[in-house]
PDB file of N, CA and C in Angstrom:
ATOM      1  N   MET A   1      12.831 -36.205  -1.057  1.00  0.00           N
ATOM      2  CA  MET A   1      11.134 -36.700  -1.370  1.00  0.00           C
ATOM      3  C   MET A   1      10.725 -36.060  -2.539  1.00  0.00           C
ATOM      4  N   ARG A   2      10.060 -36.860  -3.493  1.00  0.00           N
ATOM      5  CA  ARG A   2       9.362 -36.200  -4.508  1.00  0.00           C
ATOM      6  C   ARG A   2       8.238 -36.150  -4.327  1.00  0.00           C
ATOM      7  N   THR A   3       7.584 -34.744  -4.960  1.00  0.00           N
ATOM      8  CA  THR A   3       6.103 -34.089  -4.928  1.00  0.00           C
ATOM      9  C   THR A   3       5.731 -34.200  -6.236  1.00  0.00           C
ATOM     10  N   THR A   4       4.485 -33.501  -6.209  1.00  0.00           N
ATOM     11  CA  THR A   4       3.958 -32.915  -7.219  1.00  0.00           C
ATOM     12  C   THR A   4       3.953 -31.271  -6.662  1.00  0.00           C
ATOM     13  N   LEU A   5       3.882 -30.380  -7.370  1.00  0.00           N
ATOM     14  CA  LEU A   5       3.692 -28.869  -6.989  1.00  0.00           C
ATOM     15  C   LEU A   5       3.065 -28.071  -8.010  1.00  0.00           C
ATOM     16  N   THR A   6       2.313 -27.667  -7.655  1.00  0.00           N
ATOM     17  CA  THR A   6       1.412 -26.642  -8.697  1.00  0.00           C
ATOM     18  C   THR A   6       1.437 -25.177  -8.431  1.00  0.00           C
ATOM     19  N   LEU A   7       2.361 -24.361  -9.436  1.00  0.00           N
ATOM     20  CA  LEU A   7       2.668 -23.376  -9.183  1.00  0.00           C
ATOM     21  C   LEU A   7       2.030 -22.218  -9.985  1.00  0.00           C
ATOM     22  N   ASP A   8       1.743 -20.975  -9.518  1.00  0.00           N
ATOM     23  CA  ASP A   8       1.084 -20.038 -10.529  1.00  0.00           C
ATOM     24  C   ASP A   8       2.143 -19.696 -11.845  1.00  0.00           C
ATOM     25  N   ASP A   9       1.503 -19.406 -12.828  1.00  0.00           N
ATOM     26  CA  ASP A   9       2.233 -19.146 -14.183  1.00  0.00           C
ATOM     27  C   ASP A   9       3.565 -18.068 -13.856  1.00  0.00           C
ATOM     28  N   ASP A  10       3.363 -17.053 -12.958  1.00  0.00           N
ATOM     29  CA  ASP A  10       4.041 -15.641 -13.200  1.00  0.00           C
ATOM     30  C   ASP A  10       5.390 -16.300 -11.883  1.00  0.00           C
ATOM     31  N   LEU A  11       5.062 -17.237 -10.876  1.00  0.00           N
ATOM     32  CA  LEU A  11       5.707 -17.798 -10.203  1.00  0.00           C
ATOM     33  C   LEU A  11       6.926 -18.774 -10.860  1.00  0.00           C
ATOM     34  N   ALA A  12       6.344 -19.655 -11.549  1.00  0.00           N
ATOM     35  CA  ALA A  12       6.882 -20.661 -12.277  1.00  0.00           C
ATOM     36  C   ALA A  12       7.887 -19.850 -13.049  1.00  0.00           C
ATOM     37  N   GLU A  13       7.645 -18.951 -13.754  1.00  0.00           N
ATOM     38  CA  GLU A  13       8.400 -17.968 -14.749  1.00  0.00           C
ATOM     39  C   GLU A  13       9.620 -17.351 -14.272  1.00  0.00           C
ATOM     40  N   ALA A  14       9.035 -16.756 -12.904  1.00  0.00           N
ATOM     41  CA  ALA A  14      10.286 -16.047 -11.911  1.00  0.00           C
ATOM     42  C   ALA A  14      11.257 -17.365 -11.805  1.00  0.00           C
ATOM     43  N   LEU A  15      10.908 -18.228 -11.343  1.00  0.00           N
ATOM     44  CA  LEU A  15      11.884 -19.476 -10.708  1.00  0.00           C
ATOM     45  C   LEU A  15      12.803 -19.931 -11.692  1.00  0.00           C
ATOM     46  N   SER A  16      12.157 -19.962 -13.209  1.00  0.00           N
ATOM     47  CA  SER A  16      12.624 -20.487 -14.210  1.00  0.00           C
ATOM     48  C   SER A  16      13.788 -19.286 -14.785  1.00  0.00           C
ATOM     49  N   ARG A  17      13.447 -18.170 -14.707  1.00  0.00           N
ATOM     50  CA  ARG A  17      14.515 -17.263 -15.025  1.00  0.00           C
ATOM     51  C   ARG A  17      15.659 -17.192 -14.053  1.00  0.00           C
ATOM     52  N   SER A  18      15.355 -17.172 -12.789  1.00  0.00           N
ATOM     53  CA  SER A  18      16.117 -17.309 -11.811  1.00  0.00           C
ATOM     54  C   SER A  18      17.061 -18.450 -11.974  1.00  0.00           C
ATOM     55  N   ALA A  19      16.782 -19.618 -12.055  1.00  0.00           N
ATOM     56  CA  ALA A  19      17.538 -21.009 -12.503  1.00  0.00           C
ATOM     57  C   ALA A  19      18.305 -20.503 -13.973  1.00  0.00           C
ATOM     58  N   ARG A  20      17.868 -20.069 -14.772  1.00  0.00           N
ATOM     59  CA  ARG A  20      18.484 -19.725 -16.187  1.00  0.00           C
ATOM     60  C   ARG A  20      19.727 -18.823 -15.720  1.00  0.00           C
ATOM     61  N   LEU A  21      19.356 -17.613 -15.031  1.00  0.00           N
ATOM     62  CA  LEU A  21      20.415 -16.471 -14.665  1.00  0.00           C
ATOM     63  C   LEU A  21      21.337 -17.003 -13.766  1.00  0.00           C
ATOM     64  N   SER A  22      21.203 -17.999 -12.917  1.00  0.00           N
ATOM     65  CA  SER A  22      22.290 -17.958 -11.976  1.00  0.00           C
ATOM     66  C   SER A  22      22.778 -19.608 -12.398  1.00  0.00           C
ATOM     67  N   GLY A  23      22.296 -20.484 -13.611  1.00  0.00           N
ATOM     68  CA  GLY A  23      23.126 -21.752 -14.003  1.00  0.00           C
ATOM     69  C   GLY A  23      22.443 -22.775 -12.891  1.00  0.00           C
ATOM     70  N   ARG A  24      21.554 -22.555 -11.881  1.00  0.00           N
ATOM     71  CA  ARG A  24      21.215 -23.654 -11.077  1.00  0.00           C
ATOM     72  C   ARG A  24      20.179 -24.417 -11.727  1.00  0.00           C
ATOM     73  N   SER A  25      19.643 -25.564 -10.986  1.00  0.00           N
ATOM     74  CA  SER A  25      18.690 -26.285 -11.689  1.00  0.00           C
ATOM     75  C   SER A  25      17.533 -25.532 -10.741  1.00  0.00           C
ATOM     76  N   PHE A  26      16.616 -25.909 -11.467  1.00  0.00           N
ATOM     77  CA  PHE A  26      15.299 -25.668 -11.151  1.00  0.00           C
ATOM     78  C   PHE A  26      14.721 -25.763  -9.540  1.00  0.00           C
ATOM     79  N   LYS A  27      15.044 -27.082  -9.496  1.00  0.00           N
ATOM     80  CA  LYS A  27      14.920 -27.747  -8.169  1.00  0.00           C
ATOM     81  C   LYS A  27      15.689 -26.892  -7.028  1.00  0.00           C
ATOM     82  N   ASP A  28      16.909 -26.660  -7.289  1.00  0.00           N
ATOM     83  CA  ASP A  28      17.299 -25.828  -6.364  1.00  0.00           C
ATOM     84  C   ASP A  28      17.090 -24.639  -6.183  1.00  0.00           C
ATOM     85  N   VAL A  29      16.755 -24.020  -7.219  1.00  0.00           N
ATOM     86  CA  VAL A  29      16.124 -22.482  -6.849  1.00  0.00           C
ATOM     87  C   VAL A  29      14.946 -22.629  -6.535  1.00  0.00           C
ATOM     88  N   VAL A  30      13.920 -23.452  -6.782  1.00  0.00           N
ATOM     89  CA  VAL A  30      12.687 -23.438  -5.764  1.00  0.00           C
ATOM     90  C   VAL A  30      12.820 -24.053  -4.378  1.00  0.00           C
ATOM     91  N   ASN A  31      13.859 -25.069  -4.016  1.00  0.00           N
ATOM     92  CA  ASN A  31      14.261 -25.095  -2.854  1.00  0.00           C
ATOM     93  C   ASN A  31      14.719 -24.088  -1.844  1.00  0.00           C
ATOM     94  N   ALA A  32      15.662 -22.982  -2.487  1.00  0.00           N
ATOM     95  CA  ALA A  32      16.473 -22.342  -1.901  1.00  0.00           C
ATOM     96  C   ALA A  32      15.420 -20.984  -1.571  1.00  0.00           C
ATOM     97  N   ALA A  33      14.529 -20.745  -2.388  1.00  0.00           N
ATOM     98  CA  ALA A  33      13.266 -20.124  -2.365  1.00  0.00           C
ATOM     99  C   ALA A  33      12.558 -20.382  -0.863  1.00  0.00           C
ATOM    100  N   ILE A  34      11.790 -21.618  -1.003  1.00  0.00           N
ATOM    101  CA  ILE A  34      11.055 -21.938  -0.132  1.00  0.00           C
ATOM    102  C   ILE A  34      11.904 -22.334   1.267  1.00  0.00           C
ATOM    103  N   ARG A  35      13.125 -22.265   1.268  1.00  0.00           N
ATOM    104  CA  ARG A  35      13.819 -22.263   2.648  1.00  0.00           C
ATOM    105  C   ARG A  35      14.005 -20.804   3.103  1.00  0.00           C
ATOM    106  N   ARG A  36      14.205 -19.721   2.035  1.00  0.00           N
ATOM    107  CA  ARG A  36      14.536 -18.519   2.309  1.00  0.00           C
ATOM    108  C   ARG A  36      13.056 -17.631   3.142  1.00  0.00           C
ATOM    109  N   GLY A  37      11.843 -18.379   2.398  1.00  0.00           N
ATOM    110  CA  GLY A  37      10.250 -18.030   2.773  1.00  0.00           C
ATOM    111  C   GLY A  37      10.012 -18.505   4.123  1.00  0.00           C
ATOM    112  N   LEU A  38      10.440 -19.959   4.502  1.00  0.00           N
ATOM    113  CA  LEU A  38      10.323 -20.322   5.845  1.00  0.00           C
ATOM    114  C   LEU A  38      11.140 -19.646   6.871  1.00  0.00           C
ATOM    115  N   ALA A  39      12.176 -19.645   6.320  1.00  0.00           N
ATOM    116  CA  ALA A  39      13.057 -18.575   7.780  1.00  0.00           C
ATOM    117  C   ALA A  39      12.940 -17.376   7.857  1.00  0.00           C
ATOM    118  N   ALA A  40      12.171 -16.538   6.723  1.00  0.00           N
ATOM    119  CA  ALA A  40      11.412 -14.939   6.862  1.00  0.00           C
ATOM    120  C   ALA A  40      10.564 -15.187   8.093  1.00  0.00           C
ATOM    121  N   GLY A  41       9.942 -16.183   8.034  1.00  0.00           N
ATOM    122  CA  GLY A  41       8.848 -16.380   9.130  1.00  0.00           C
ATOM    123  C   GLY A  41       9.001 -16.555  10.080  1.00  0.00           C
ATOM    124  N   GLU A  42      10.211 -17.099  10.351  1.00  0.00           N
ATOM    125  CA  GLU A  42      10.658 -17.493  11.914  1.00  0.00           C
ATOM    126  C   GLU A  42      11.329 -16.264  12.468  1.00  0.00           C
ATOM    127  N   HIS A  43      11.670 -15.444  11.317  1.00  0.00           N
ATOM    128  CA  HIS A  43      12.689 -14.387  12.259  1.00  0.00           C
ATOM    129  C   HIS A  43      12.206 -12.922  11.580  1.00  0.00           C
ATOM    130  N   PRO A  44      12.178 -12.046  12.319  1.00  0.00           N
ATOM    131  CA  PRO A  44      11.548 -10.483  11.758  1.00  0.00           C
ATOM    132  C   PRO A  44      12.106 -10.149  10.396  1.00  0.00           C
ATOM    133  N   ALA A  45      11.719  -9.507   9.445  1.00  0.00           N
ATOM    134  CA  ALA A  45      12.367  -9.302   8.603  1.00  0.00           C
ATOM    135  C   ALA A  45      13.090  -7.709   8.868  1.00  0.00           C
ATOM    136  N   ASP A  46      12.786  -6.818   9.882  1.00  0.00           N
ATOM    137  CA  ASP A  46      13.744  -5.809  10.363  1.00  0.00           C
ATOM    138  C   ASP A  46      15.026  -5.880  10.296  1.00  0.00           C
ATOM    139  N   GLY A  47      15.325  -7.221  10.557  1.00  0.00           N
ATOM    140  CA  GLY A  47      16.986  -7.195  10.717  1.00  0.00           C
ATOM    141  C   GLY A  47      17.565  -6.794  12.361  1.00  0.00           C
ATOM    142  N   GLY A  48      16.601  -6.996  12.820  1.00  0.00           N
ATOM    143  CA  GLY A  48      16.869  -5.994  14.551  1.00  0.00           C
ATOM    144  C   GLY A  48      16.776  -4.871  14.719  1.00  0.00           C
ATOM    145  N   ARG A  49      16.284  -3.870  13.689  1.00  0.00           N
ATOM    146  CA  ARG A  49      16.393  -2.713  13.774  1.00  0.00           C
ATOM    147  C   ARG A  49      15.611  -2.098  14.803  1.00  0.00           C
ATOM    148  N   GLU A  50      15.747  -0.865  15.148  1.00  0.00           N
ATOM    149  CA  GLU A  50      14.535  -0.184  16.225  1.00  0.00           C
ATOM    150  C   GLU A  50      13.576   0.196  15.537  1.00  0.00           C
ATOM    151  N   PRO A  51      12.563   0.218  15.874  1.00  0.00           N
ATOM    152  CA  PRO A  51      10.966   0.504  15.275  1.00  0.00           C
ATOM    153  C   PRO A  51      11.277   2.356  15.194  1.00  0.00           C
ATOM    154  N   PHE A  52      10.737   2.599  13.990  1.00  0.00           N
ATOM    155  CA  PHE A  52      10.383   3.948  13.351  1.00  0.00           C
ATOM    156  C   PHE A  52       9.834   4.679  14.406  1.00  0.00           C
ATOM    157  N   VAL A  53       9.811   5.561  15.081  1.00  0.00           N
ATOM    158  CA  VAL A  53       9.089   6.603  15.981  1.00  0.00           C
ATOM    159  C   VAL A  53       8.563   7.726  15.289  1.00  0.00           C
ATOM    160  N   VAL A  54       7.375   8.138  15.324  1.00  0.00           N
ATOM    161  CA  VAL A  54       7.106   9.434  14.671  1.00  0.00           C
ATOM    162  C   VAL A  54       7.060  10.376  16.174  1.00  0.00           C
ATOM    163  N   GLN A  55       7.960  11.312  15.704  1.00  0.00           N
ATOM    164  CA  GLN A  55       7.643  12.561  16.756  1.00  0.00           C
ATOM    165  C   GLN A  55       6.838  13.621  16.381  1.00  0.00           C
ATOM    166  N   PRO A  56       5.609  13.615  16.945  1.00  0.00           N
ATOM    167  CA  PRO A  56       4.325  14.557  16.929  1.00  0.00           C
ATOM    168  C   PRO A  56       4.700  16.070  17.391  1.00  0.00           C
ATOM    169  N   GLN A  57       4.205  16.784  16.404  1.00  0.00           N
ATOM    170  CA  GLN A  57       4.497  18.520  16.701  1.00  0.00           C
ATOM    171  C   GLN A  57       3.155  18.866  16.959  1.00  0.00           C
ATOM    172  N   ALA A  58       2.938  19.730  17.505  1.00  0.00           N
ATOM    173  CA  ALA A  58       1.622  20.429  17.546  1.00  0.00           C
ATOM    174  C   ALA A  58       1.464  21.684  16.829  1.00  0.00           C
ATOM    175  N   CYS A  59       0.669  21.784  15.871  1.00  0.00           N
ATOM    176  CA  CYS A  59       0.739  22.847  14.726  1.00  0.00           C
ATOM    177  C   CYS A  59      -0.543  23.710  14.725  1.00  0.00           C
ATOM    178  N   GLY A  60      -1.351  23.424  15.332  1.00  0.00           N
ATOM    179  CA  GLY A  60      -2.697  24.332  15.478  1.00  0.00           C
ATOM    180  C   GLY A  60      -3.357  24.453  14.068  1.00  0.00           C
ATOM    181  N   LEU A  61      -4.063  25.576  14.126  1.00  0.00           N
ATOM    182  CA  LEU A  61      -5.002  26.083  12.962  1.00  0.00           C
ATOM    183  C   LEU A  61      -4.323  27.398  12.736  1.00  0.00           C
ATOM    184  N   MET A  62      -4.262  27.501  11.493  1.00  0.00           N
ATOM    185  CA  MET A  62      -3.882  28.718  10.891  1.00  0.00           C
ATOM    186  C   MET A  62      -4.250  30.035  11.525  1.00  0.00           C
ATOM    187  N   PRO A  63      -3.701  30.987  11.712  1.00  0.00           N
ATOM    188  CA  PRO A  63      -4.150  32.271  12.133  1.00  0.00           C
ATOM    189  C   PRO A  63      -5.396  32.640  11.316  1.00  0.00           C
ATOM    190  N   GLY A  64      -6.686  32.950  12.085  1.00  0.00           N
ATOM    191  CA  GLY A  64      -7.809  33.593  11.358  1.00  0.00           C
ATOM    192  C   GLY A  64      -8.843  32.497  11.213  1.00  0.00           C
ATOM    193  N   ILE A  65      -8.437  31.291  11.508  1.00  0.00           N
ATOM    194  CA  ILE A  65      -9.283  30.033  11.680  1.00  0.00           C
ATOM    195  C   ILE A  65     -10.055  29.740  12.824  1.00  0.00           C
ATOM    196  N   ASP A  66     -11.486  29.897  12.832  1.00  0.00           N
ATOM    197  CA  ASP A  66     -12.080  29.726  14.137  1.00  0.00           C
ATOM    198  C   ASP A  66     -12.748  28.305  14.241  1.00  0.00           C
ATOM    199  N   PRO A  67     -12.136  27.515  15.189  1.00  0.00           N
ATOM    200  CA  PRO A  67     -12.280  26.122  15.259  1.00  0.00           C
ATOM    201  C   PRO A  67     -13.724  25.767  15.555  1.00  0.00           C
ATOM    202  N   LEU A  68     -14.361  26.837  16.493  1.00  0.00           N
ATOM    203  CA  LEU A  68     -15.755  27.220  16.676  1.00  0.00           C
ATOM    204  C   LEU A  68     -16.967  27.082  15.368  1.00  0.00           C
ATOM    205  N   ARG A  69     -16.121  27.584  14.468  1.00  0.00           N
ATOM    206  CA  ARG A  69     -17.025  27.904  13.359  1.00  0.00           C
ATOM    207  C   ARG A  69     -16.615  26.906  12.295  1.00  0.00           C
ATOM    208  N   LEU A  70     -16.142  25.818  12.431  1.00  0.00           N
ATOM    209  CA  LEU A  70     -15.867  24.844  11.061  1.00  0.00           C
ATOM    210  C   LEU A  70     -17.201  24.306  10.809  1.00  0.00           C
ATOM    211  N   ASN A  71     -18.096  24.126  11.714  1.00  0.00           N
ATOM    212  CA  ASN A  71     -19.304  23.452  11.316  1.00  0.00           C
ATOM    213  C   ASN A  71     -20.308  24.109  10.288  1.00  0.00           C
ATOM    214  N   GLN A  72     -20.108  25.836  10.703  1.00  0.00           N
ATOM    215  CA  GLN A  72     -20.897  26.758   9.886  1.00  0.00           C
ATOM    216  C   GLN A  72     -20.185  26.362   8.464  1.00  0.00           C
ATOM    217  N   LEU A  73     -18.815  26.377   8.401  1.00  0.00           N
ATOM    218  CA  LEU A  73     -18.232  26.403   7.213  1.00  0.00           C
ATOM    219  C   LEU A  73     -18.728  25.339   6.259  1.00  0.00           C
ATOM    220  N   VAL A  74     -18.850  24.065   6.958  1.00  0.00           N
ATOM    221  CA  VAL A  74     -19.109  22.586   6.096  1.00  0.00           C
ATOM    222  C   VAL A  74     -20.889  22.825   5.808  1.00  0.00           C
ATOM    223  N   ASP A  75     -21.367  23.417   6.635  1.00  0.00           N
ATOM    224  CA  ASP A  75     -23.066  23.994   6.383  1.00  0.00           C
ATOM    225  C   ASP A  75     -22.942  24.417   5.017  1.00  0.00           C
ATOM    226  N   GLN A  76     -22.245  25.669   5.146  1.00  0.00           N
ATOM    227  CA  GLN A  76     -22.267  26.567   3.836  1.00  0.00           C
ATOM    228  C   GLN A  76     -21.807  25.998   2.493  1.00  0.00           C
ATOM    229  N   LEU A  77     -20.940  25.104   2.847  1.00  0.00           N
ATOM    230  CA  LEU A  77     -20.148  24.316   1.505  1.00  0.00           C
ATOM    231  C   LEU A  77     -21.460  23.775   1.166  1.00  0.00           C
ATOM    232  N   GLU A  78     -22.046  22.583   2.033  1.00  0.00           N
ATOM    233  CA  GLU A  78     -23.150  21.812   1.441  1.00  0.00           C
ATOM    234  C   GLU A  78     -24.188  22.621   0.981  1.00  0.00           C
ATOM    235  N   ALA A  79     -24.749  23.512   1.490  1.00  0.00           N
ATOM    236  CA  ALA A  79     -25.665  24.570   0.809  1.00  0.00           C
ATOM    237  C   ALA A  79     -25.366  24.978  -0.494  1.00  0.00           C
ATOM    238  N   GLU A  80     -24.289  25.268  -0.671  1.00  0.00           N
ATOM    239  CA  GLU A  80     -23.642  25.878  -2.034  1.00  0.00           C
ATOM    240  C   GLU A  80     -23.747  24.614  -2.876  1.00  0.00           C
ATOM    241  N   GLN A  81     -23.565  23.387  -2.440  1.00  0.00           N
ATOM    242  CA  GLN A  81     -23.227  22.453  -3.520  1.00  0.00           C
ATOM    243  C   GLN A  81     -24.448  22.062  -3.846  1.00  0.00           C
ATOM    244  N   PHE A  82     -25.590  22.177  -2.829  1.00  0.00           N
ATOM    245  CA  PHE A  82     -27.082  21.462  -3.027  1.00  0.00           C
ATOM    246  C   PHE A  82     -27.595  22.555  -3.951  1.00  0.00           C
ATOM    247  N   MET A  83     -27.632  23.870  -3.930  1.00  0.00           N
ATOM    248  CA  MET A  83     -28.016  24.793  -4.741  1.00  0.00           C
ATOM    249  C   MET A  83     -27.545  24.749  -6.112  1.00  0.00           C
ATOM    250  N   ALA A  84     -26.163  24.278  -6.548  1.00  0.00           N
ATOM    251  CA  ALA A  84     -25.661  24.202  -7.710  1.00  0.00           C
ATOM    252  C   ALA A  84     -26.175  23.027  -8.157  1.00  0.00           C
ATOM    253  N   ALA A  85     -26.616  21.968  -7.515  1.00  0.00           N
ATOM    254  CA  ALA A  85     -27.349  20.872  -7.906  1.00  0.00           C
ATOM    255  C   ALA A  85     -28.485  21.146  -8.298  1.00  0.00           C
ATOM    256  N   GLN A  86     -29.256  21.861  -8.049  1.00  0.00           N
ATOM    257  CA  GLN A  86     -30.824  22.114  -8.299  1.00  0.00           C
ATOM    258  C   GLN A  86     -30.806  22.926  -9.561  1.00  0.00           C
ATOM    259  N   MET A  87     -29.640  23.942  -9.939  1.00  0.00           N
ATOM    260  CA  MET A  87     -29.783  24.430 -10.859  1.00  0.00           C
ATOM    261  C   MET A  87     -29.983  23.947 -12.507  1.00  0.00           C
ATOM    262  N   PRO A  88     -30.896  24.329 -13.213  1.00  0.00           N
ATOM    263  CA  PRO A  88     -30.903  23.434 -14.278  1.00  0.00           C
ATOM    264  C   PRO A  88     -29.588  23.616 -15.408  1.00  0.00           C
ATOM    265  N   ALA A  89     -29.338  22.754 -16.039  1.00  0.00           N
ATOM    266  CA  ALA A  89     -27.969  22.834 -16.962  1.00  0.00           C
ATOM    267  C   ALA A  89     -28.717  23.708 -18.142  1.00  0.00           C
ATOM    268  N   GLY A  90     -27.990  24.703 -18.301  1.00  0.00           N
ATOM    269  CA  GLY A  90     -28.014  25.662 -19.504  1.00  0.00           C
ATOM    270  C   GLY A  90     -26.917  25.921 -20.135  1.00  0.00           C
ATOM    271  N   PRO A  91     -27.215  26.413 -21.471  1.00  0.00           N
ATOM    272  CA  PRO A  91     -25.813  26.610 -22.162  1.00  0.00           C
ATOM    273  C   PRO A  91     -24.644  27.518 -21.405  1.00  0.00           C
ATOM    274  N   GLU A  92     -23.424  27.079 -21.907  1.00  0.00           N
ATOM    275  CA  GLU A  92     -22.522  27.972 -20.960  1.00  0.00           C
ATOM    276  C   GLU A  92     -22.185  29.084 -21.773  1.00  0.00           C
ATOM    277  N   ARG A  93     -21.709  30.041 -20.752  1.00  0.00           N
ATOM    278  CA  ARG A  93     -21.173  31.306 -21.611  1.00  0.00           C
ATOM    279  C   ARG A  93     -19.847  31.553 -21.774  1.00  0.00           C
TER     280      ARG A  93
END
């Protein structure tokens, strides 16, 4: 079947390069690429491999970190940032 197909410039260049390097016609390269794309949509690309499973580990907080005081730390850092923003910019020492 003959049809008109508009390709993006980068795609057309890649297909042309593939045709040149393989010694096949542009038509054959385009048809093969479309067949591979359609077949990939029908079958998962993972090749039937088992999915990767993350093994979680409980790490906890570092010694000396009190989880009940984390909000106080955030408040202190925000207050320091606010105060630094309020200071007039002067000559650096």
